[in-house]
Amino acid sequence: MISVNSLTHKYGARTALSSVSFEVHQREIFGLLGPNGSGKSTLFRILSTLMAPSEGRAKVAGFDVSAEPDAVRRQVGVVFQSQSLDKKLTVEENLTAQGHLFGMSGTVLRGRVQEVMDRLALADRRKDLVASLSGGLRRRVEVAKALLHEPRVLLMDEPSTGLDPGARRELWQYVDDLRKSRGVTVLLTSHILDEAERCDRLLLLHQGKVVAMGTPAELKARIGGDVVVLEVGDAEGMRAQLSQRFAVEPRIVDGALRVEIANGHRFITEAVEAFPGAINSVALHKPTLEDVFLDETGASISE
């Protein structure tokens, strides 16, 4: 449904995307995960036809984003990170205005407006001004706008921006329902880890390059065993001692030592006994997507 081949984009001398390639299958929820400056927003703008790539090709629903942008726009619904609603209009007026942009009118438009409002539980708010709605409701209206013309692909840029956890869960329920009931393919950008966990597959971007791709489970399986974090007084000195004593390769992250190792609880016991008084605190957890990103790039996804 989406095909990206050796996509490169430059802003003057700066390379925002470097030879990025991937495919998104029909009915898939596909996430672009990375920190600010990773290139995911540039990629989103290219796929939504807001800019043309410097090199490479991208197709959405079989249409080239550079050569056939009008055809692409008819196939996609776009939910931008920044709000695109008119706050002085009602929910229904916003949706009607969107329909006019796609050449819809009369009973067809009224029927589509009613359908998307019903699907997103907005019918009872149809006469409410957008200015009076909560952040979660406004986001649902944004999604309703994007779905009005029945797109085959939904592009969402940081969809949970400004939403509280409850509203975020509701939004994801709607997105998953669209995939299941309507066969909509979803591509989204995010830097929120629990949001990324809900995707079928993820593409990890860093400094414009693909560093890993796979399901959340496949990505976390790249890290064997557990992740142990040790707070110590002398991180550099302790790193050398741990490496020599246990044949591990600790990494210093935010002043603490991070060790990837199987049977982490046993390692903790042995390390504390081997270096009494040198370890101030310990933490143990199973690998997360943050750990994967850190392992692949040496940087935090929240940077």
C-alpha atoms as a PDB file:
ATOM      1  CA  MET A   1       0.000   0.000   0.000  1.00  0.00           C
ATOM      2  CA  ILE A   2       2.988   2.306   0.662  1.00  0.00           C
ATOM      3  CA  SER A   3       6.330   1.768  -1.052  1.00  0.00           C
ATOM      4  CA  VAL A   4       9.417   3.860  -0.323  1.00  0.00           C
ATOM      5  CA  ASN A   5      12.595   3.231  -2.306  1.00  0.00           C
ATOM      6  CA  SER A   6      15.962   4.913  -1.592  1.00  0.00           C
ATOM      7  CA  LEU A   7      14.279   8.130  -0.492  1.00  0.00           C
ATOM      8  CA  THR A   8      16.683  10.991   0.182  1.00  0.00           C
ATOM      9  CA  HIS A   9      15.932  14.598   1.031  1.00  0.00           C
ATOM     10  CA  LYS A  10      18.270  17.500   1.671  1.00  0.00           C
ATOM     11  CA  TYR A  11      17.754  20.977   3.067  1.00  0.00           C
ATOM     12  CA  GLY A  12      20.730  22.737   1.532  1.00  0.00           C
ATOM     13  CA  ALA A  13      23.820  21.000   2.891  1.00  0.00           C
ATOM     14  CA  ARG A  14      21.880  19.105   5.567  1.00  0.00           C
ATOM     15  CA  THR A  15      20.620  15.620   4.780  1.00  0.00           C
ATOM     16  CA  ALA A  16      17.273  15.007   6.492  1.00  0.00           C
ATOM     17  CA  LEU A  17      16.687  11.572   4.914  1.00  0.00           C
ATOM     18  CA  SER A  18      19.360   9.245   3.583  1.00  0.00           C
ATOM     19  CA  SER A  19      18.371   6.372   1.269  1.00  0.00           C
ATOM     20  CA  VAL A  20      15.296   5.295   3.267  1.00  0.00           C
ATOM     21  CA  SER A  21      13.439   2.211   1.975  1.00  0.00           C
ATOM     22  CA  PHE A  22      10.472   0.262   3.365  1.00  0.00           C
ATOM     23  CA  GLU A  23       6.986  -1.047   2.494  1.00  0.00           C
ATOM     24  CA  VAL A  24       3.684  -0.870   4.364  1.00  0.00           C
ATOM     25  CA  HIS A  25       1.105  -3.581   3.749  1.00  0.00           C
ATOM     26  CA  GLN A  26      -2.661  -3.177   3.494  1.00  0.00           C
ATOM     27  CA  ARG A  27      -4.493  -3.065   6.858  1.00  0.00           C
ATOM     28  CA  GLU A  28      -1.190  -2.554   8.654  1.00  0.00           C
ATOM     29  CA  ILE A  29      -0.536   0.006  11.374  1.00  0.00           C
ATOM     30  CA  PHE A  30       3.020   1.100  10.657  1.00  0.00           C
ATOM     31  CA  GLY A  31       4.955   3.465  12.918  1.00  0.00           C
ATOM     32  CA  LEU A  32       7.864   5.788  12.211  1.00  0.00           C
ATOM     33  CA  LEU A  33       9.673   6.075  15.542  1.00  0.00           C
ATOM     34  CA  GLY A  34      12.460   8.498  16.332  1.00  0.00           C
ATOM     35  CA  PRO A  35      13.437  11.617  18.267  1.00  0.00           C
ATOM     36  CA  ASN A  36      13.061  15.165  16.994  1.00  0.00           C
ATOM     37  CA  GLY A  37      15.376  15.664  14.038  1.00  0.00           C
ATOM     38  CA  SER A  38      15.345  11.997  13.037  1.00  0.00           C
ATOM     39  CA  GLY A  39      13.702  12.706   9.676  1.00  0.00           C
ATOM     40  CA  LYS A  40      10.255  11.275  10.393  1.00  0.00           C
ATOM     41  CA  SER A  41       8.431  14.585   9.865  1.00  0.00           C
ATOM     42  CA  THR A  42      10.226  15.130   6.551  1.00  0.00           C
ATOM     43  CA  LEU A  43       9.216  11.641   5.467  1.00  0.00           C
ATOM     44  CA  PHE A  44       5.629  12.332   6.529  1.00  0.00           C
ATOM     45  CA  ARG A  45       5.522  15.540   4.492  1.00  0.00           C
ATOM     46  CA  ILE A  46       6.805  13.702   1.425  1.00  0.00           C
ATOM     47  CA  LEU A  47       4.234  10.909   1.729  1.00  0.00           C
ATOM     48  CA  SER A  48       1.444  13.454   2.173  1.00  0.00           C
ATOM     49  CA  THR A  49       2.644  15.262  -1.004  1.00  0.00           C
ATOM     50  CA  LEU A  50       3.590  18.479   0.796  1.00  0.00           C
ATOM     51  CA  MET A  51       7.104  18.266  -0.643  1.00  0.00           C
ATOM     52  CA  ALA A  52       8.980  16.289  -3.251  1.00  0.00           C
ATOM     53  CA  PRO A  53      12.040  14.218  -2.303  1.00  0.00           C
ATOM     54  CA  SER A  54      15.503  15.184  -3.513  1.00  0.00           C
ATOM     55  CA  GLU A  55      16.129  11.619  -4.667  1.00  0.00           C
ATOM     56  CA  GLY A  56      14.356   8.260  -4.701  1.00  0.00           C
ATOM     57  CA  ARG A  57      10.708   7.329  -5.116  1.00  0.00           C
ATOM     58  CA  ALA A  58       7.659   6.868  -2.944  1.00  0.00           C
ATOM     59  CA  LYS A  59       4.277   5.444  -3.899  1.00  0.00           C
ATOM     60  CA  VAL A  60       1.015   5.487  -1.958  1.00  0.00           C
ATOM     61  CA  ALA A  61      -1.805   3.181  -3.127  1.00  0.00           C
ATOM     62  CA  GLY A  62       0.117   2.678  -6.354  1.00  0.00           C
ATOM     63  CA  PHE A  63       0.551   6.376  -7.173  1.00  0.00           C
ATOM     64  CA  ASP A  64       3.861   8.234  -7.221  1.00  0.00           C
ATOM     65  CA  VAL A  65       3.885  11.077  -4.674  1.00  0.00           C
ATOM     66  CA  SER A  66       5.966  13.314  -6.959  1.00  0.00           C
ATOM     67  CA  ALA A  67       4.505  12.506 -10.381  1.00  0.00           C
ATOM     68  CA  GLU A  68       0.877  11.933  -9.322  1.00  0.00           C
ATOM     69  CA  PRO A  69       0.240  14.038  -6.193  1.00  0.00           C
ATOM     70  CA  ASP A  70      -3.444  14.692  -6.978  1.00  0.00           C
ATOM     71  CA  ALA A  71      -4.125  10.958  -7.269  1.00  0.00           C
ATOM     72  CA  VAL A  72      -2.293  10.339  -3.981  1.00  0.00           C
ATOM     73  CA  ARG A  73      -4.357  12.991  -2.191  1.00  0.00           C
ATOM     74  CA  ARG A  74      -7.569  11.276  -3.252  1.00  0.00           C
ATOM     75  CA  GLN A  75      -6.330   8.050  -1.645  1.00  0.00           C
ATOM     76  CA  VAL A  76      -5.066   9.406   1.682  1.00  0.00           C
ATOM     77  CA  GLY A  77      -6.483  11.076   4.755  1.00  0.00           C
ATOM     78  CA  VAL A  78      -4.029  13.200   6.711  1.00  0.00           C
ATOM     79  CA  VAL A  79      -4.055  14.083  10.405  1.00  0.00           C
ATOM     80  CA  PHE A  80      -1.390  16.708  10.993  1.00  0.00           C
ATOM     81  CA  GLN A  81       0.366  17.309  14.297  1.00  0.00           C
ATOM     82  CA  SER A  82      -0.876  20.890  14.436  1.00  0.00           C
ATOM     83  CA  GLN A  83      -4.617  21.506  14.550  1.00  0.00           C
ATOM     84  CA  SER A  84      -6.349  22.209  11.239  1.00  0.00           C
ATOM     85  CA  LEU A  85      -9.856  22.843  12.578  1.00  0.00           C
ATOM     86  CA  ASP A  86     -11.665  26.185  12.485  1.00  0.00           C
ATOM     87  CA  LYS A  87     -12.462  26.860  16.147  1.00  0.00           C
ATOM     88  CA  LYS A  88     -15.240  29.295  15.270  1.00  0.00           C
ATOM     89  CA  LEU A  89     -17.182  26.644  13.365  1.00  0.00           C
ATOM     90  CA  THR A  90     -19.141  23.713  14.753  1.00  0.00           C
ATOM     91  CA  VAL A  91     -18.083  20.087  14.367  1.00  0.00           C
ATOM     92  CA  GLU A  92     -20.594  19.604  11.553  1.00  0.00           C
ATOM     93  CA  GLU A  93     -19.535  22.822   9.789  1.00  0.00           C
ATOM     94  CA  ASN A  94     -15.883  21.800   9.872  1.00  0.00           C
ATOM     95  CA  LEU A  95     -16.700  18.433   8.320  1.00  0.00           C
ATOM     96  CA  THR A  96     -18.977  19.961   5.697  1.00  0.00           C
ATOM     97  CA  ALA A  97     -16.290  22.436   4.667  1.00  0.00           C
ATOM     98  CA  GLN A  98     -13.819  19.556   4.325  1.00  0.00           C
ATOM     99  CA  GLY A  99     -16.279  17.681   2.119  1.00  0.00           C
ATOM    100  CA  HIS A 100     -16.613  20.670  -0.194  1.00  0.00           C
ATOM    101  CA  LEU A 101     -12.851  20.623  -0.716  1.00  0.00           C
ATOM    102  CA  PHE A 102     -13.207  17.090  -2.096  1.00  0.00           C
ATOM    103  CA  GLY A 103     -16.064  18.071  -4.402  1.00  0.00           C
ATOM    104  CA  MET A 104     -18.779  16.523  -2.250  1.00  0.00           C
ATOM    105  CA  SER A 105     -22.199  18.100  -1.796  1.00  0.00           C
ATOM    106  CA  GLY A 106     -25.889  17.447  -1.206  1.00  0.00           C
ATOM    107  CA  THR A 107     -27.176  14.175   0.187  1.00  0.00           C
ATOM    108  CA  VAL A 108     -23.874  12.404  -0.465  1.00  0.00           C
ATOM    109  CA  LEU A 109     -21.973  14.869   1.709  1.00  0.00           C
ATOM    110  CA  ARG A 110     -24.623  14.884   4.441  1.00  0.00           C
ATOM    111  CA  GLY A 111     -24.549  11.102   4.521  1.00  0.00           C
ATOM    112  CA  ARG A 112     -20.763  10.960   4.809  1.00  0.00           C
ATOM    113  CA  VAL A 113     -20.709  13.613   7.545  1.00  0.00           C
ATOM    114  CA  GLN A 114     -23.295  11.661   9.519  1.00  0.00           C
ATOM    115  CA  GLU A 115     -21.389   8.409   9.022  1.00  0.00           C
ATOM    116  CA  VAL A 116     -18.026   9.685  10.263  1.00  0.00           C
ATOM    117  CA  MET A 117     -19.662  11.436  13.203  1.00  0.00           C
ATOM    118  CA  ASP A 118     -21.421   8.214  14.160  1.00  0.00           C
ATOM    119  CA  ARG A 119     -18.253   6.168  13.752  1.00  0.00           C
ATOM    120  CA  LEU A 120     -16.232   8.524  15.950  1.00  0.00           C
ATOM    121  CA  ALA A 121     -18.997   9.153  18.507  1.00  0.00           C
ATOM    122  CA  LEU A 122     -19.351  12.824  17.566  1.00  0.00           C
ATOM    123  CA  ALA A 123     -23.001  12.947  16.528  1.00  0.00           C
ATOM    124  CA  ASP A 124     -24.166  14.410  19.843  1.00  0.00           C
ATOM    125  CA  ARG A 125     -21.534  17.180  19.533  1.00  0.00           C
ATOM    126  CA  ARG A 126     -22.358  18.137  15.939  1.00  0.00           C
ATOM    127  CA  LYS A 127     -23.620  21.631  16.873  1.00  0.00           C
ATOM    128  CA  ASP A 128     -20.832  22.351  19.373  1.00  0.00           C
ATOM    129  CA  LEU A 129     -18.205  24.924  18.465  1.00  0.00           C
ATOM    130  CA  VAL A 130     -14.766  23.350  18.124  1.00  0.00           C
ATOM    131  CA  ALA A 131     -13.468  25.974  20.571  1.00  0.00           C
ATOM    132  CA  SER A 132     -15.580  24.362  23.306  1.00  0.00           C
ATOM    133  CA  LEU A 133     -14.257  20.814  22.778  1.00  0.00           C
ATOM    134  CA  SER A 134     -11.608  19.005  24.803  1.00  0.00           C
ATOM    135  CA  GLY A 135      -8.306  18.041  23.231  1.00  0.00           C
ATOM    136  CA  GLY A 136      -9.420  14.441  22.807  1.00  0.00           C
ATOM    137  CA  LEU A 137     -12.641  15.431  21.045  1.00  0.00           C
ATOM    138  CA  ARG A 138     -10.822  17.835  18.746  1.00  0.00           C
ATOM    139  CA  ARG A 139      -8.460  15.044  17.770  1.00  0.00           C
ATOM    140  CA  ARG A 140     -11.436  12.845  16.924  1.00  0.00           C
ATOM    141  CA  VAL A 141     -12.827  15.604  14.703  1.00  0.00           C
ATOM    142  CA  GLU A 142      -9.434  15.783  12.970  1.00  0.00           C
ATOM    143  CA  VAL A 143      -9.627  12.037  12.310  1.00  0.00           C
ATOM    144  CA  ALA A 144     -13.224  12.404  11.091  1.00  0.00           C
ATOM    145  CA  LYS A 145     -12.092  15.082   8.610  1.00  0.00           C
ATOM    146  CA  ALA A 146      -9.362  12.799   7.336  1.00  0.00           C
ATOM    147  CA  LEU A 147     -11.824   9.922   6.822  1.00  0.00           C
ATOM    148  CA  LEU A 148     -14.606  11.912   5.172  1.00  0.00           C
ATOM    149  CA  HIS A 149     -13.640  10.983   1.594  1.00  0.00           C
ATOM    150  CA  GLU A 150     -13.112   7.295   2.501  1.00  0.00           C
ATOM    151  CA  PRO A 151      -9.330   7.131   2.019  1.00  0.00           C
ATOM    152  CA  ARG A 152      -7.481   3.848   1.671  1.00  0.00           C
ATOM    153  CA  VAL A 153      -4.530   5.186   3.674  1.00  0.00           C
ATOM    154  CA  LEU A 154      -4.525   7.267   6.876  1.00  0.00           C
ATOM    155  CA  LEU A 155      -1.397   9.299   7.612  1.00  0.00           C
ATOM    156  CA  MET A 156      -1.096  10.591  11.185  1.00  0.00           C
ATOM    157  CA  ASP A 157       1.688  12.874  12.418  1.00  0.00           C
ATOM    158  CA  GLU A 158       2.220  12.521  16.189  1.00  0.00           C
ATOM    159  CA  PRO A 159      -1.488  11.675  16.689  1.00  0.00           C
ATOM    160  CA  SER A 160      -1.358  11.747  20.501  1.00  0.00           C
ATOM    161  CA  THR A 161       0.065  15.255  20.766  1.00  0.00           C
ATOM    162  CA  GLY A 162      -1.724  17.119  23.552  1.00  0.00           C
ATOM    163  CA  LEU A 163      -3.890  14.166  24.584  1.00  0.00           C
ATOM    164  CA  ASP A 164      -4.191  12.794  28.100  1.00  0.00           C
ATOM    165  CA  PRO A 165      -3.774   9.001  28.566  1.00  0.00           C
ATOM    166  CA  GLY A 166      -7.534   8.367  28.473  1.00  0.00           C
ATOM    167  CA  ALA A 167      -8.029  10.288  25.242  1.00  0.00           C
ATOM    168  CA  ARG A 168      -4.994   8.543  23.769  1.00  0.00           C
ATOM    169  CA  ARG A 169      -6.500   5.130  24.482  1.00  0.00           C
ATOM    170  CA  GLU A 170      -9.799   6.175  22.891  1.00  0.00           C
ATOM    171  CA  LEU A 171      -8.045   7.421  19.768  1.00  0.00           C
ATOM    172  CA  TRP A 172      -6.202   4.134  19.381  1.00  0.00           C
ATOM    173  CA  GLN A 173      -9.430   2.175  19.733  1.00  0.00           C
ATOM    174  CA  TYR A 174     -10.863   4.165  16.815  1.00  0.00           C
ATOM    175  CA  VAL A 175      -7.736   3.644  14.709  1.00  0.00           C
ATOM    176  CA  ASP A 176      -7.716  -0.091  15.337  1.00  0.00           C
ATOM    177  CA  ASP A 177     -11.409  -0.291  14.488  1.00  0.00           C
ATOM    178  CA  LEU A 178     -10.780   1.497  11.179  1.00  0.00           C
ATOM    179  CA  ARG A 179      -8.136  -1.037  10.279  1.00  0.00           C
ATOM    180  CA  LYS A 180     -10.370  -3.993  11.157  1.00  0.00           C
ATOM    181  CA  SER A 181     -13.734  -2.800   9.851  1.00  0.00           C
ATOM    182  CA  ARG A 182     -12.690  -0.664   6.877  1.00  0.00           C
ATOM    183  CA  GLY A 183      -9.355  -2.135   5.855  1.00  0.00           C
ATOM    184  CA  VAL A 184      -7.644   1.241   6.241  1.00  0.00           C
ATOM    185  CA  THR A 185      -3.849   1.219   6.198  1.00  0.00           C
ATOM    186  CA  VAL A 186      -2.330   3.512   8.837  1.00  0.00           C
ATOM    187  CA  LEU A 187       1.099   5.131   8.890  1.00  0.00           C
ATOM    188  CA  LEU A 188       1.974   7.331  11.845  1.00  0.00           C
ATOM    189  CA  THR A 189       4.934   9.147  13.277  1.00  0.00           C
ATOM    190  CA  SER A 190       5.626   9.068  17.001  1.00  0.00           C
ATOM    191  CA  HIS A 191       8.213   9.397  19.733  1.00  0.00           C
ATOM    192  CA  ILE A 192       5.867   7.974  22.399  1.00  0.00           C
ATOM    193  CA  LEU A 193       6.916   4.447  23.308  1.00  0.00           C
ATOM    194  CA  ASP A 194       3.587   3.034  24.503  1.00  0.00           C
ATOM    195  CA  GLU A 195       2.016   4.323  21.288  1.00  0.00           C
ATOM    196  CA  ALA A 196       4.725   2.600  19.236  1.00  0.00           C
ATOM    197  CA  GLU A 197       4.015  -0.677  21.028  1.00  0.00           C
ATOM    198  CA  ARG A 198       0.536  -0.695  19.446  1.00  0.00           C
ATOM    199  CA  CYS A 199       1.897  -0.714  15.889  1.00  0.00           C
ATOM    200  CA  ASP A 200       2.137  -3.883  13.818  1.00  0.00           C
ATOM    201  CA  ARG A 201       5.606  -2.894  12.664  1.00  0.00           C
ATOM    202  CA  LEU A 202       8.015  -0.059  13.362  1.00  0.00           C
ATOM    203  CA  LEU A 203      10.722   1.765  11.463  1.00  0.00           C
ATOM    204  CA  LEU A 204      13.343   3.321  13.749  1.00  0.00           C
ATOM    205  CA  LEU A 205      14.884   6.482  12.306  1.00  0.00           C
ATOM    206  CA  HIS A 206      17.955   8.318  13.546  1.00  0.00           C
ATOM    207  CA  GLN A 207      19.612  11.263  11.823  1.00  0.00           C
ATOM    208  CA  GLY A 208      17.727  10.489   8.637  1.00  0.00           C
ATOM    209  CA  LYS A 209      18.746   6.839   8.434  1.00  0.00           C
ATOM    210  CA  VAL A 210      16.924   3.566   9.077  1.00  0.00           C
ATOM    211  CA  VAL A 211      18.513   1.868  12.088  1.00  0.00           C
ATOM    212  CA  ALA A 212      16.049  -1.005  12.558  1.00  0.00           C
ATOM    213  CA  MET A 213      12.682  -2.290  11.371  1.00  0.00           C
ATOM    214  CA  GLY A 214      10.325  -5.015  12.603  1.00  0.00           C
ATOM    215  CA  THR A 215       7.518  -5.762  15.018  1.00  0.00           C
ATOM    216  CA  PRO A 216       7.907  -4.358  18.549  1.00  0.00           C
ATOM    217  CA  ALA A 217       8.617  -7.897  19.801  1.00  0.00           C
ATOM    218  CA  GLU A 218      11.227  -8.535  17.100  1.00  0.00           C
ATOM    219  CA  LEU A 219      13.008  -5.279  17.878  1.00  0.00           C
ATOM    220  CA  LYS A 220      13.123  -5.941  21.622  1.00  0.00           C
ATOM    221  CA  ALA A 221      14.403  -9.472  20.971  1.00  0.00           C
ATOM    222  CA  ARG A 222      17.572  -7.897  19.560  1.00  0.00           C
ATOM    223  CA  ILE A 223      18.605  -7.294  23.154  1.00  0.00           C
ATOM    224  CA  GLY A 224      19.352 -10.577  24.834  1.00  0.00           C
ATOM    225  CA  GLY A 225      18.156 -11.122  28.386  1.00  0.00           C
ATOM    226  CA  ASP A 226      17.677  -8.220  30.792  1.00  0.00           C
ATOM    227  CA  VAL A 227      18.767  -4.616  31.139  1.00  0.00           C
ATOM    228  CA  VAL A 228      20.525  -3.743  34.400  1.00  0.00           C
ATOM    229  CA  VAL A 229      21.153  -0.134  35.429  1.00  0.00           C
ATOM    230  CA  LEU A 230      23.726   0.544  38.154  1.00  0.00           C
ATOM    231  CA  GLU A 231      24.133   3.866  39.952  1.00  0.00           C
ATOM    232  CA  VAL A 232      27.766   4.207  41.024  1.00  0.00           C
ATOM    233  CA  GLY A 233      30.114   6.928  42.177  1.00  0.00           C
ATOM    234  CA  ASP A 234      32.807   6.374  39.540  1.00  0.00           C
ATOM    235  CA  ALA A 235      31.110   5.244  36.345  1.00  0.00           C
ATOM    236  CA  GLU A 236      34.251   5.095  34.216  1.00  0.00           C
ATOM    237  CA  GLY A 237      36.216   3.145  36.798  1.00  0.00           C
ATOM    238  CA  MET A 238      33.386   0.734  37.532  1.00  0.00           C
ATOM    239  CA  ARG A 239      32.791   0.151  33.837  1.00  0.00           C
ATOM    240  CA  ALA A 240      36.344  -1.105  33.410  1.00  0.00           C
ATOM    241  CA  GLN A 241      36.108  -3.317  36.510  1.00  0.00           C
ATOM    242  CA  LEU A 242      32.779  -4.850  35.466  1.00  0.00           C
ATOM    243  CA  SER A 243      34.065  -5.493  31.979  1.00  0.00           C
ATOM    244  CA  GLN A 244      37.132  -7.266  33.302  1.00  0.00           C
ATOM    245  CA  ARG A 245      35.321  -9.252  36.003  1.00  0.00           C
ATOM    246  CA  PHE A 246      32.176 -10.333  34.101  1.00  0.00           C
ATOM    247  CA  ALA A 247      33.145 -10.064  30.421  1.00  0.00           C
ATOM    248  CA  VAL A 248      30.359  -7.541  29.765  1.00  0.00           C
ATOM    249  CA  GLU A 249      30.340  -4.224  27.913  1.00  0.00           C
ATOM    250  CA  PRO A 250      28.618  -1.659  30.143  1.00  0.00           C
ATOM    251  CA  ARG A 251      27.515   1.622  28.638  1.00  0.00           C
ATOM    252  CA  ILE A 252      27.377   4.924  30.518  1.00  0.00           C
ATOM    253  CA  VAL A 253      23.952   6.551  30.083  1.00  0.00           C
ATOM    254  CA  ASP A 254      23.045   9.682  32.058  1.00  0.00           C
ATOM    255  CA  GLY A 255      25.847   8.960  34.516  1.00  0.00           C
ATOM    256  CA  ALA A 256      24.700   5.390  35.239  1.00  0.00           C
ATOM    257  CA  LEU A 257      26.020   2.066  33.951  1.00  0.00           C
ATOM    258  CA  ARG A 258      23.720   0.101  31.654  1.00  0.00           C
ATOM    259  CA  VAL A 259      24.413  -3.593  31.156  1.00  0.00           C
ATOM    260  CA  GLU A 260      22.596  -5.999  28.820  1.00  0.00           C
ATOM    261  CA  ILE A 261      22.890  -9.523  30.150  1.00  0.00           C
ATOM    262  CA  ALA A 262      20.952 -12.766  30.555  1.00  0.00           C
ATOM    263  CA  ASN A 263      19.758 -13.580  34.087  1.00  0.00           C
ATOM    264  CA  GLY A 264      20.129 -10.017  35.236  1.00  0.00           C
ATOM    265  CA  HIS A 265      19.104 -10.800  38.817  1.00  0.00           C
ATOM    266  CA  ARG A 266      22.087 -13.115  39.194  1.00  0.00           C
ATOM    267  CA  PHE A 267      24.429 -10.530  37.716  1.00  0.00           C
ATOM    268  CA  ILE A 268      23.176  -7.937  40.213  1.00  0.00           C
ATOM    269  CA  THR A 269      23.867 -10.238  43.159  1.00  0.00           C
ATOM    270  CA  GLU A 270      27.344 -11.089  41.926  1.00  0.00           C
ATOM    271  CA  ALA A 271      28.214  -7.469  41.112  1.00  0.00           C
ATOM    272  CA  VAL A 272      27.107  -6.173  44.519  1.00  0.00           C
ATOM    273  CA  GLU A 273      29.103  -8.922  46.264  1.00  0.00           C
ATOM    274  CA  ALA A 274      32.156  -8.329  44.079  1.00  0.00           C
ATOM    275  CA  PHE A 275      32.225  -4.567  44.692  1.00  0.00           C
ATOM    276  CA  PRO A 276      30.796  -3.962  48.193  1.00  0.00           C
ATOM    277  CA  GLY A 277      29.860  -0.345  48.803  1.00  0.00           C
ATOM    278  CA  ALA A 278      30.664   0.757  45.254  1.00  0.00           C
ATOM    279  CA  ILE A 279      27.145   0.338  43.856  1.00  0.00           C
ATOM    280  CA  ASN A 280      24.617   2.822  45.221  1.00  0.00           C
ATOM    281  CA  SER A 281      21.472   1.430  43.609  1.00  0.00           C
ATOM    282  CA  VAL A 282      20.370  -1.092  41.000  1.00  0.00           C
ATOM    283  CA  ALA A 283      17.418  -1.452  38.610  1.00  0.00           C
ATOM    284  CA  LEU A 284      16.375  -4.358  36.455  1.00  0.00           C
ATOM    285  CA  HIS A 285      13.899  -4.429  33.556  1.00  0.00           C
ATOM    286  CA  LYS A 286      13.074  -6.310  30.393  1.00  0.00           C
ATOM    287  CA  PRO A 287      14.149  -4.645  27.134  1.00  0.00           C
ATOM    288  CA  THR A 288      11.999  -1.754  25.912  1.00  0.00           C
ATOM    289  CA  LEU A 289      11.921   0.081  22.589  1.00  0.00           C
ATOM    290  CA  GLU A 290      13.903   2.843  24.294  1.00  0.00           C
ATOM    291  CA  ASP A 291      16.607   0.261  25.031  1.00  0.00           C
ATOM    292  CA  VAL A 292      16.557  -0.898  21.414  1.00  0.00           C
ATOM    293  CA  PHE A 293      16.963   2.655  20.129  1.00  0.00           C
ATOM    294  CA  LEU A 294      19.731   3.350  22.613  1.00  0.00           C
ATOM    295  CA  ASP A 295      21.460   0.114  21.659  1.00  0.00           C
ATOM    296  CA  GLU A 296      21.290   0.863  17.939  1.00  0.00           C
ATOM    297  CA  THR A 297      22.185   4.560  18.031  1.00  0.00           C
ATOM    298  CA  GLY A 298      23.742   5.380  21.393  1.00  0.00           C
ATOM    299  CA  ALA A 299      21.082   8.111  21.762  1.00  0.00           C
ATOM    300  CA  SER A 300      17.793   8.389  23.612  1.00  0.00           C
ATOM    301  CA  ILE A 301      14.564   8.451  21.656  1.00  0.00           C
ATOM    302  CA  SER A 302      13.375  11.362  23.810  1.00  0.00           C
ATOM    303  CA  GLU A 303      16.259  13.625  22.830  1.00  0.00           C
END
